[in-house]
Amino acid sequence: MNSKYTNDLTDILRMLLNIEKDLNLINFKENEKKIYYTIAMEISNTGHCNITDVIKKSGYSRSTVYKTIKKFESENMVILKQSINDKREFNLILAT
């Protein structure tokens, strides 16, 4: 690898670490971070996100997604709001 590539990669990894610190994700497992990023991307792309979206997009099991979302909820990082259209579904809102 050339030094410019290595420097660019190092800068990107440093920025990612800073983002994870800012979002309080630093102590979460990699699969939990992926679930959080999946929620953020889905909200960014479509304006909303529900638990079914996260299961489909992340590739993780329903059980893993539910446990992780409950963990985020207990850390006040995600808010669950029951869907108006489908009472069986919950929309996810990233807490600010």
PDB file of N, CA and C in Angstrom:
ATOM      1  N   MET A   1       0.846  -1.186   0.000  1.00  0.00           N
ATOM      2  CA  MET A   1       0.000   0.000   0.000  1.00  0.00           C
ATOM      3  C   MET A   1       0.888   1.244   0.000  1.00  0.00           C
ATOM      4  N   ASN A   2       0.442   2.237  -0.736  1.00  0.00           N
ATOM      5  CA  ASN A   2       1.220   3.459  -0.719  1.00  0.00           C
ATOM      6  C   ASN A   2       0.873   4.298   0.501  1.00  0.00           C
ATOM      7  N   SER A   3       1.729   5.236   0.808  1.00  0.00           N
ATOM      8  CA  SER A   3       1.563   5.997   2.047  1.00  0.00           C
ATOM      9  C   SER A   3       0.334   6.902   2.007  1.00  0.00           C
ATOM     10  N   LYS A   4      -0.035   7.434   0.834  1.00  0.00           N
ATOM     11  CA  LYS A   4      -1.234   8.270   0.755  1.00  0.00           C
ATOM     12  C   LYS A   4      -2.473   7.448   1.080  1.00  0.00           C
ATOM     13  N   TYR A   5      -2.551   6.265   0.511  1.00  0.00           N
ATOM     14  CA  TYR A   5      -3.682   5.375   0.800  1.00  0.00           C
ATOM     15  C   TYR A   5      -3.738   5.051   2.296  1.00  0.00           C
ATOM     16  N   THR A   6      -2.606   4.714   2.862  1.00  0.00           N
ATOM     17  CA  THR A   6      -2.530   4.380   4.287  1.00  0.00           C
ATOM     18  C   THR A   6      -2.938   5.575   5.135  1.00  0.00           C
ATOM     19  N   ASN A   7      -2.477   6.755   4.779  1.00  0.00           N
ATOM     20  CA  ASN A   7      -2.849   7.961   5.528  1.00  0.00           C
ATOM     21  C   ASN A   7      -4.335   8.255   5.407  1.00  0.00           C
ATOM     22  N   ASP A   8      -4.880   8.114   4.191  1.00  0.00           N
ATOM     23  CA  ASP A   8      -6.315   8.339   3.991  1.00  0.00           C
ATOM     24  C   ASP A   8      -7.144   7.346   4.794  1.00  0.00           C
ATOM     25  N   LEU A   9      -6.741   6.087   4.764  1.00  0.00           N
ATOM     26  CA  LEU A   9      -7.453   5.055   5.516  1.00  0.00           C
ATOM     27  C   LEU A   9      -7.393   5.334   7.011  1.00  0.00           C
ATOM     28  N   THR A  10      -6.243   5.716   7.484  1.00  0.00           N
ATOM     29  CA  THR A  10      -6.079   6.046   8.904  1.00  0.00           C
ATOM     30  C   THR A  10      -6.967   7.218   9.293  1.00  0.00           C
ATOM     31  N   ASP A  11      -7.047   8.233   8.439  1.00  0.00           N
ATOM     32  CA  ASP A  11      -7.914   9.386   8.707  1.00  0.00           C
ATOM     33  C   ASP A  11      -9.385   8.975   8.772  1.00  0.00           C
ATOM     34  N   ILE A  12      -9.803   8.116   7.848  1.00  0.00           N
ATOM     35  CA  ILE A  12     -11.192   7.643   7.827  1.00  0.00           C
ATOM     36  C   ILE A  12     -11.505   6.847   9.098  1.00  0.00           C
ATOM     37  N   LEU A  13     -10.616   5.970   9.494  1.00  0.00           N
ATOM     38  CA  LEU A  13     -10.834   5.171  10.697  1.00  0.00           C
ATOM     39  C   LEU A  13     -10.862   6.061  11.942  1.00  0.00           C
ATOM     40  N   ARG A  14     -10.046   7.071  11.965  1.00  0.00           N
ATOM     41  CA  ARG A  14     -10.043   8.007  13.093  1.00  0.00           C
ATOM     42  C   ARG A  14     -11.370   8.771  13.144  1.00  0.00           C
ATOM     43  N   MET A  15     -11.870   9.197  11.974  1.00  0.00           N
ATOM     44  CA  MET A  15     -13.161   9.885  11.928  1.00  0.00           C
ATOM     45  C   MET A  15     -14.281   8.969  12.395  1.00  0.00           C
ATOM     46  N   LEU A  16     -14.257   7.701  11.955  1.00  0.00           N
ATOM     47  CA  LEU A  16     -15.277   6.744  12.380  1.00  0.00           C
ATOM     48  C   LEU A  16     -15.251   6.555  13.892  1.00  0.00           C
ATOM     49  N   LEU A  17     -14.080   6.446  14.456  1.00  0.00           N
ATOM     50  CA  LEU A  17     -13.948   6.312  15.910  1.00  0.00           C
ATOM     51  C   LEU A  17     -14.531   7.532  16.616  1.00  0.00           C
ATOM     52  N   ASN A  18     -14.264   8.715  16.096  1.00  0.00           N
ATOM     53  CA  ASN A  18     -14.813   9.934  16.690  1.00  0.00           C
ATOM     54  C   ASN A  18     -16.336   9.984  16.584  1.00  0.00           C
ATOM     55  N   ILE A  19     -16.867   9.533  15.441  1.00  0.00           N
ATOM     56  CA  ILE A  19     -18.320   9.479  15.273  1.00  0.00           C
ATOM     57  C   ILE A  19     -18.925   8.512  16.290  1.00  0.00           C
ATOM     58  N   GLU A  20     -18.307   7.347  16.440  1.00  0.00           N
ATOM     59  CA  GLU A  20     -18.816   6.368  17.401  1.00  0.00           C
ATOM     60  C   GLU A  20     -18.763   6.918  18.826  1.00  0.00           C
ATOM     61  N   LYS A  21     -17.750   7.673  19.144  1.00  0.00           N
ATOM     62  CA  LYS A  21     -17.677   8.309  20.467  1.00  0.00           C
ATOM     63  C   LYS A  21     -18.801   9.325  20.622  1.00  0.00           C
ATOM     64  N   ASP A  22     -19.003  10.162  19.599  1.00  0.00           N
ATOM     65  CA  ASP A  22     -20.048  11.183  19.648  1.00  0.00           C
ATOM     66  C   ASP A  22     -21.440  10.577  19.790  1.00  0.00           C
ATOM     67  N   LEU A  23     -21.655   9.414  19.167  1.00  0.00           N
ATOM     68  CA  LEU A  23     -22.963   8.752  19.216  1.00  0.00           C
ATOM     69  C   LEU A  23     -23.094   7.797  20.402  1.00  0.00           C
ATOM     70  N   ASN A  24     -22.081   7.738  21.238  1.00  0.00           N
ATOM     71  CA  ASN A  24     -22.046   6.814  22.383  1.00  0.00           C
ATOM     72  C   ASN A  24     -22.134   5.353  21.948  1.00  0.00           C
ATOM     73  N   LEU A  25     -21.535   5.036  20.805  1.00  0.00           N
ATOM     74  CA  LEU A  25     -21.532   3.665  20.292  1.00  0.00           C
ATOM     75  C   LEU A  25     -20.231   2.934  20.601  1.00  0.00           C
ATOM     76  N   ILE A  26     -19.295   3.601  21.194  1.00  0.00           N
ATOM     77  CA  ILE A  26     -17.945   3.071  21.354  1.00  0.00           C
ATOM     78  C   ILE A  26     -17.917   1.747  22.124  1.00  0.00           C
ATOM     79  N   ASN A  27     -18.804   1.563  23.068  1.00  0.00           N
ATOM     80  CA  ASN A  27     -18.791   0.351  23.894  1.00  0.00           C
ATOM     81  C   ASN A  27     -19.737  -0.741  23.394  1.00  0.00           C
ATOM     82  N   PHE A  28     -20.366  -0.504  22.249  1.00  0.00           N
ATOM     83  CA  PHE A  28     -21.274  -1.501  21.696  1.00  0.00           C
ATOM     84  C   PHE A  28     -20.513  -2.485  20.815  1.00  0.00           C
ATOM     85  N   LYS A  29     -21.089  -3.674  20.664  1.00  0.00           N
ATOM     86  CA  LYS A  29     -20.511  -4.691  19.783  1.00  0.00           C
ATOM     87  C   LYS A  29     -20.708  -4.281  18.329  1.00  0.00           C
ATOM     88  N   GLU A  30     -19.939  -4.893  17.438  1.00  0.00           N
ATOM     89  CA  GLU A  30     -20.004  -4.542  16.021  1.00  0.00           C
ATOM     90  C   GLU A  30     -21.395  -4.772  15.432  1.00  0.00           C
ATOM     91  N   ASN A  31     -22.057  -5.871  15.811  1.00  0.00           N
ATOM     92  CA  ASN A  31     -23.401  -6.117  15.269  1.00  0.00           C
ATOM     93  C   ASN A  31     -24.390  -5.061  15.770  1.00  0.00           C
ATOM     94  N   GLU A  32     -24.210  -4.578  16.991  1.00  0.00           N
ATOM     95  CA  GLU A  32     -25.088  -3.542  17.521  1.00  0.00           C
ATOM     96  C   GLU A  32     -24.863  -2.224  16.783  1.00  0.00           C
ATOM     97  N   LYS A  33     -23.610  -1.922  16.487  1.00  0.00           N
ATOM     98  CA  LYS A  33     -23.305  -0.712  15.715  1.00  0.00           C
ATOM     99  C   LYS A  33     -23.943  -0.802  14.332  1.00  0.00           C
ATOM    100  N   LYS A  34     -23.859  -1.968  13.712  1.00  0.00           N
ATOM    101  CA  LYS A  34     -24.449  -2.133  12.384  1.00  0.00           C
ATOM    102  C   LYS A  34     -25.954  -1.904  12.424  1.00  0.00           C
ATOM    103  N   ILE A  35     -26.598  -2.378  13.467  1.00  0.00           N
ATOM    104  CA  ILE A  35     -28.039  -2.174  13.608  1.00  0.00           C
ATOM    105  C   ILE A  35     -28.349  -0.686  13.772  1.00  0.00           C
ATOM    106  N   TYR A  36     -27.546   0.010  14.564  1.00  0.00           N
ATOM    107  CA  TYR A  36     -27.749   1.452  14.737  1.00  0.00           C
ATOM    108  C   TYR A  36     -27.572   2.176  13.403  1.00  0.00           C
ATOM    109  N   TYR A  37     -26.509   1.839  12.686  1.00  0.00           N
ATOM    110  CA  TYR A  37     -26.256   2.475  11.384  1.00  0.00           C
ATOM    111  C   TYR A  37     -27.354   2.127  10.379  1.00  0.00           C
ATOM    112  N   THR A  38     -27.895   0.922  10.467  1.00  0.00           N
ATOM    113  CA  THR A  38     -29.005   0.529   9.590  1.00  0.00           C
ATOM    114  C   THR A  38     -30.222   1.409   9.854  1.00  0.00           C
ATOM    115  N   ILE A  39     -30.517   1.643  11.117  1.00  0.00           N
ATOM    116  CA  ILE A  39     -31.636   2.524  11.482  1.00  0.00           C
ATOM    117  C   ILE A  39     -31.398   3.921  10.919  1.00  0.00           C
ATOM    118  N   ALA A  40     -30.202   4.454  11.143  1.00  0.00           N
ATOM    119  CA  ALA A  40     -29.879   5.812  10.684  1.00  0.00           C
ATOM    120  C   ALA A  40     -29.975   5.927   9.164  1.00  0.00           C
ATOM    121  N   MET A  41     -29.462   4.928   8.456  1.00  0.00           N
ATOM    122  CA  MET A  41     -29.499   4.959   6.987  1.00  0.00           C
ATOM    123  C   MET A  41     -30.926   4.858   6.462  1.00  0.00           C
ATOM    124  N   GLU A  42     -31.727   4.008   7.073  1.00  0.00           N
ATOM    125  CA  GLU A  42     -33.111   3.846   6.623  1.00  0.00           C
ATOM    126  C   GLU A  42     -33.899   5.138   6.849  1.00  0.00           C
ATOM    127  N   ILE A  43     -33.697   5.770   7.997  1.00  0.00           N
ATOM    128  CA  ILE A  43     -34.361   7.051   8.261  1.00  0.00           C
ATOM    129  C   ILE A  43     -33.883   8.094   7.260  1.00  0.00           C
ATOM    130  N   SER A  44     -32.602   8.118   6.983  1.00  0.00           N
ATOM    131  CA  SER A  44     -32.043   9.077   6.029  1.00  0.00           C
ATOM    132  C   SER A  44     -32.586   8.846   4.617  1.00  0.00           C
ATOM    133  N   ASN A  45     -32.691   7.592   4.225  1.00  0.00           N
ATOM    134  CA  ASN A  45     -33.128   7.262   2.857  1.00  0.00           C
ATOM    135  C   ASN A  45     -34.625   7.398   2.638  1.00  0.00           C
ATOM    136  N   THR A  46     -35.421   7.013   3.638  1.00  0.00           N
ATOM    137  CA  THR A  46     -36.874   6.964   3.431  1.00  0.00           C
ATOM    138  C   THR A  46     -37.674   7.901   4.334  1.00  0.00           C
ATOM    139  N   GLY A  47     -37.031   8.438   5.364  1.00  0.00           N
ATOM    140  CA  GLY A  47     -37.731   9.326   6.287  1.00  0.00           C
ATOM    141  C   GLY A  47     -38.339   8.601   7.471  1.00  0.00           C
ATOM    142  N   HIS A  48     -38.280   7.272   7.456  1.00  0.00           N
ATOM    143  CA  HIS A  48     -38.809   6.510   8.592  1.00  0.00           C
ATOM    144  C   HIS A  48     -38.142   5.132   8.631  1.00  0.00           C
ATOM    145  N   CYS A  49     -38.308   4.459   9.753  1.00  0.00           N
ATOM    146  CA  CYS A  49     -37.731   3.121   9.908  1.00  0.00           C
ATOM    147  C   CYS A  49     -38.550   2.371  10.946  1.00  0.00           C
ATOM    148  N   ASN A  50     -38.847   1.113  10.641  1.00  0.00           N
ATOM    149  CA  ASN A  50     -39.505   0.274  11.639  1.00  0.00           C
ATOM    150  C   ASN A  50     -38.642  -0.972  11.880  1.00  0.00           C
ATOM    151  N   ILE A  51     -39.028  -1.751  12.836  1.00  0.00           N
ATOM    152  CA  ILE A  51     -38.221  -2.909  13.231  1.00  0.00           C
ATOM    153  C   ILE A  51     -38.086  -3.899  12.086  1.00  0.00           C
ATOM    154  N   THR A  52     -39.140  -4.107  11.320  1.00  0.00           N
ATOM    155  CA  THR A  52     -39.082  -5.023  10.181  1.00  0.00           C
ATOM    156  C   THR A  52     -38.046  -4.556   9.159  1.00  0.00           C
ATOM    157  N   ASP A  53     -37.972  -3.244   8.918  1.00  0.00           N
ATOM    158  CA  ASP A  53     -36.958  -2.698   8.011  1.00  0.00           C
ATOM    159  C   ASP A  53     -35.558  -3.060   8.485  1.00  0.00           C
ATOM    160  N   VAL A  54     -35.318  -2.931   9.781  1.00  0.00           N
ATOM    161  CA  VAL A  54     -33.991  -3.201  10.342  1.00  0.00           C
ATOM    162  C   VAL A  54     -33.635  -4.679  10.181  1.00  0.00           C
ATOM    163  N   ILE A  55     -34.593  -5.549  10.416  1.00  0.00           N
ATOM    164  CA  ILE A  55     -34.355  -6.994  10.272  1.00  0.00           C
ATOM    165  C   ILE A  55     -33.981  -7.310   8.823  1.00  0.00           C
ATOM    166  N   LYS A  56     -34.745  -6.768   7.889  1.00  0.00           N
ATOM    167  CA  LYS A  56     -34.488  -7.031   6.466  1.00  0.00           C
ATOM    168  C   LYS A  56     -33.154  -6.455   6.005  1.00  0.00           C
ATOM    169  N   LYS A  57     -32.879  -5.222   6.363  1.00  0.00           N
ATOM    170  CA  LYS A  57     -31.689  -4.522   5.856  1.00  0.00           C
ATOM    171  C   LYS A  57     -30.400  -4.953   6.546  1.00  0.00           C
ATOM    172  N   SER A  58     -30.476  -5.284   7.830  1.00  0.00           N
ATOM    173  CA  SER A  58     -29.253  -5.618   8.567  1.00  0.00           C
ATOM    174  C   SER A  58     -28.824  -7.064   8.354  1.00  0.00           C
ATOM    175  N   GLY A  59     -29.801  -7.938   8.086  1.00  0.00           N
ATOM    176  CA  GLY A  59     -29.488  -9.350   7.930  1.00  0.00           C
ATOM    177  C   GLY A  59     -29.402 -10.105   9.248  1.00  0.00           C
ATOM    178  N   TYR A  60     -29.676  -9.412  10.348  1.00  0.00           N
ATOM    179  CA  TYR A  60     -29.648 -10.071  11.653  1.00  0.00           C
ATOM    180  C   TYR A  60     -31.022 -10.651  11.984  1.00  0.00           C
ATOM    181  N   SER A  61     -31.028 -11.596  12.898  1.00  0.00           N
ATOM    182  CA  SER A  61     -32.276 -12.248  13.287  1.00  0.00           C
ATOM    183  C   SER A  61     -33.189 -11.276  14.021  1.00  0.00           C
ATOM    184  N   ARG A  62     -34.458 -11.622  14.017  1.00  0.00           N
ATOM    185  CA  ARG A  62     -35.457 -10.811  14.736  1.00  0.00           C
ATOM    186  C   ARG A  62     -35.058 -10.669  16.207  1.00  0.00           C
ATOM    187  N   SER A  63     -34.615 -11.757  16.804  1.00  0.00           N
ATOM    188  CA  SER A  63     -34.228 -11.749  18.212  1.00  0.00           C
ATOM    189  C   SER A  63     -33.069 -10.783  18.468  1.00  0.00           C
ATOM    190  N   THR A  64     -32.038 -10.841  17.627  1.00  0.00           N
ATOM    191  CA  THR A  64     -30.879  -9.956  17.785  1.00  0.00           C
ATOM    192  C   THR A  64     -31.281  -8.496  17.629  1.00  0.00           C
ATOM    193  N   VAL A  65     -32.109  -8.208  16.637  1.00  0.00           N
ATOM    194  CA  VAL A  65     -32.546  -6.831  16.403  1.00  0.00           C
ATOM    195  C   VAL A  65     -33.368  -6.329  17.580  1.00  0.00           C
ATOM    196  N   TYR A  66     -34.322  -7.126  18.062  1.00  0.00           N
ATOM    197  CA  TYR A  66     -35.142  -6.704  19.198  1.00  0.00           C
ATOM    198  C   TYR A  66     -34.299  -6.454  20.438  1.00  0.00           C
ATOM    199  N   LYS A  67     -33.392  -7.360  20.757  1.00  0.00           N
ATOM    200  CA  LYS A  67     -32.534  -7.182  21.942  1.00  0.00           C
ATOM    201  C   LYS A  67     -31.699  -5.919  21.829  1.00  0.00           C
ATOM    202  N   THR A  68     -31.165  -5.689  20.642  1.00  0.00           N
ATOM    203  CA  THR A  68     -30.317  -4.516  20.439  1.00  0.00           C
ATOM    204  C   THR A  68     -31.129  -3.230  20.529  1.00  0.00           C
ATOM    205  N   ILE A  69     -32.299  -3.220  19.939  1.00  0.00           N
ATOM    206  CA  ILE A  69     -33.144  -2.026  20.000  1.00  0.00           C
ATOM    207  C   ILE A  69     -33.557  -1.747  21.442  1.00  0.00           C
ATOM    208  N   LYS A  70     -33.863  -2.782  22.196  1.00  0.00           N
ATOM    209  CA  LYS A  70     -34.201  -2.596  23.617  1.00  0.00           C
ATOM    210  C   LYS A  70     -33.004  -2.006  24.375  1.00  0.00           C
ATOM    211  N   LYS A  71     -31.805  -2.463  24.015  1.00  0.00           N
ATOM    212  CA  LYS A  71     -30.591  -1.927  24.633  1.00  0.00           C
ATOM    213  C   LYS A  71     -30.432  -0.446  24.288  1.00  0.00           C
ATOM    214  N   PHE A  72     -30.642  -0.097  23.013  1.00  0.00           N
ATOM    215  CA  PHE A  72     -30.572   1.304  22.601  1.00  0.00           C
ATOM    216  C   PHE A  72     -31.631   2.133  23.310  1.00  0.00           C
ATOM    217  N   GLU A  73     -32.802   1.552  23.465  1.00  0.00           N
ATOM    218  CA  GLU A  73     -33.895   2.263  24.142  1.00  0.00           C
ATOM    219  C   GLU A  73     -33.534   2.530  25.606  1.00  0.00           C
ATOM    220  N   SER A  74     -32.954   1.546  26.266  1.00  0.00           N
ATOM    221  CA  SER A  74     -32.572   1.730  27.679  1.00  0.00           C
ATOM    222  C   SER A  74     -31.445   2.743  27.838  1.00  0.00           C
ATOM    223  N   GLU A  75     -30.655   2.939  26.778  1.00  0.00           N
ATOM    224  CA  GLU A  75     -29.573   3.927  26.781  1.00  0.00           C
ATOM    225  C   GLU A  75     -30.054   5.292  26.256  1.00  0.00           C
ATOM    226  N   ASN A  76     -31.367   5.402  26.012  1.00  0.00           N
ATOM    227  CA  ASN A  76     -31.983   6.629  25.482  1.00  0.00           C
ATOM    228  C   ASN A  76     -31.380   7.064  24.143  1.00  0.00           C
ATOM    229  N   MET A  77     -31.077   6.091  23.302  1.00  0.00           N
ATOM    230  CA  MET A  77     -30.519   6.372  21.985  1.00  0.00           C
ATOM    231  C   MET A  77     -31.571   6.232  20.891  1.00  0.00           C
ATOM    232  N   VAL A  78     -32.586   5.414  21.158  1.00  0.00           N
ATOM    233  CA  VAL A  78     -33.657   5.148  20.199  1.00  0.00           C
ATOM    234  C   VAL A  78     -34.987   5.219  20.941  1.00  0.00           C
ATOM    235  N   ILE A  79     -35.965   5.788  20.264  1.00  0.00           N
ATOM    236  CA  ILE A  79     -37.324   5.864  20.811  1.00  0.00           C
ATOM    237  C   ILE A  79     -38.213   5.001  19.938  1.00  0.00           C
ATOM    238  N   LEU A  80     -39.023   4.159  20.567  1.00  0.00           N
ATOM    239  CA  LEU A  80     -39.993   3.342  19.837  1.00  0.00           C
ATOM    240  C   LEU A  80     -41.347   4.025  19.897  1.00  0.00           C
ATOM    241  N   LYS A  81     -41.995   4.126  18.750  1.00  0.00           N
ATOM    242  CA  LYS A  81     -43.316   4.734  18.675  1.00  0.00           C
ATOM    243  C   LYS A  81     -44.208   3.819  17.863  1.00  0.00           C
ATOM    244  N   GLN A  82     -45.336   3.442  18.438  1.00  0.00           N
ATOM    245  CA  GLN A  82     -46.238   2.530  17.743  1.00  0.00           C
ATOM    246  C   GLN A  82     -46.732   3.145  16.446  1.00  0.00           C
ATOM    247  N   SER A  83     -46.730   2.347  15.393  1.00  0.00           N
ATOM    248  CA  SER A  83     -47.170   2.803  14.079  1.00  0.00           C
ATOM    249  C   SER A  83     -48.660   3.113  14.101  1.00  0.00           C
ATOM    250  N   ILE A  84     -49.018   4.195  13.442  1.00  0.00           N
ATOM    251  CA  ILE A  84     -50.433   4.565  13.325  1.00  0.00           C
ATOM    252  C   ILE A  84     -51.136   3.619  12.362  1.00  0.00           C
ATOM    253  N   ASN A  85     -50.422   3.201  11.314  1.00  0.00           N
ATOM    254  CA  ASN A  85     -51.014   2.365  10.268  1.00  0.00           C
ATOM    255  C   ASN A  85     -51.115   0.892  10.658  1.00  0.00           C
ATOM    256  N   ASP A  86     -50.160   0.405  11.431  1.00  0.00           N
ATOM    257  CA  ASP A  86     -50.122  -1.014  11.800  1.00  0.00           C
ATOM    258  C   ASP A  86     -49.753  -1.117  13.278  1.00  0.00           C
ATOM    259  N   LYS A  87     -50.726  -1.391  14.101  1.00  0.00           N
ATOM    260  CA  LYS A  87     -50.518  -1.406  15.552  1.00  0.00           C
ATOM    261  C   LYS A  87     -49.543  -2.491  16.003  1.00  0.00           C
ATOM    262  N   ARG A  88     -49.220  -3.445  15.119  1.00  0.00           N
ATOM    263  CA  ARG A  88     -48.256  -4.498  15.473  1.00  0.00           C
ATOM    264  C   ARG A  88     -46.816  -4.039  15.256  1.00  0.00           C
ATOM    265  N   GLU A  89     -46.647  -2.911  14.576  1.00  0.00           N
ATOM    266  CA  GLU A  89     -45.316  -2.443  14.195  1.00  0.00           C
ATOM    267  C   GLU A  89     -44.919  -1.202  14.996  1.00  0.00           C
ATOM    268  N   PHE A  90     -43.612  -1.054  15.214  1.00  0.00           N
ATOM    269  CA  PHE A  90     -43.091   0.109  15.915  1.00  0.00           C
ATOM    270  C   PHE A  90     -42.106   0.843  15.016  1.00  0.00           C
ATOM    271  N   ASN A  91     -42.267   2.153  14.959  1.00  0.00           N
ATOM    272  CA  ASN A  91     -41.312   2.987  14.238  1.00  0.00           C
ATOM    273  C   ASN A  91     -40.181   3.359  15.185  1.00  0.00           C
ATOM    274  N   LEU A  92     -39.012   3.546  14.621  1.00  0.00           N
ATOM    275  CA  LEU A  92     -37.834   3.876  15.399  1.00  0.00           C
ATOM    276  C   LEU A  92     -37.433   5.323  15.142  1.00  0.00           C
ATOM    277  N   ILE A  93     -37.126   6.015  16.188  1.00  0.00           N
ATOM    278  CA  ILE A  93     -36.692   7.408  16.096  1.00  0.00           C
ATOM    279  C   ILE A  93     -35.366   7.505  16.834  1.00  0.00           C
ATOM    280  N   LEU A  94     -34.363   8.085  16.185  1.00  0.00           N
ATOM    281  CA  LEU A  94     -33.083   8.265  16.851  1.00  0.00           C
ATOM    282  C   LEU A  94     -33.185   9.451  17.795  1.00  0.00           C
ATOM    283  N   ALA A  95     -32.843   9.226  19.055  1.00  0.00           N
ATOM    284  CA  ALA A  95     -32.879  10.292  20.049  1.00  0.00           C
ATOM    285  C   ALA A  95     -31.712  11.240  19.794  1.00  0.00           C
ATOM    286  N   THR A  96     -31.949  12.502  20.024  1.00  0.00           N
ATOM    287  CA  THR A  96     -30.892  13.486  19.804  1.00  0.00           C
ATOM    288  C   THR A  96     -30.276  13.938  21.103  1.00  0.00           C
TER     289      THR A  96
END
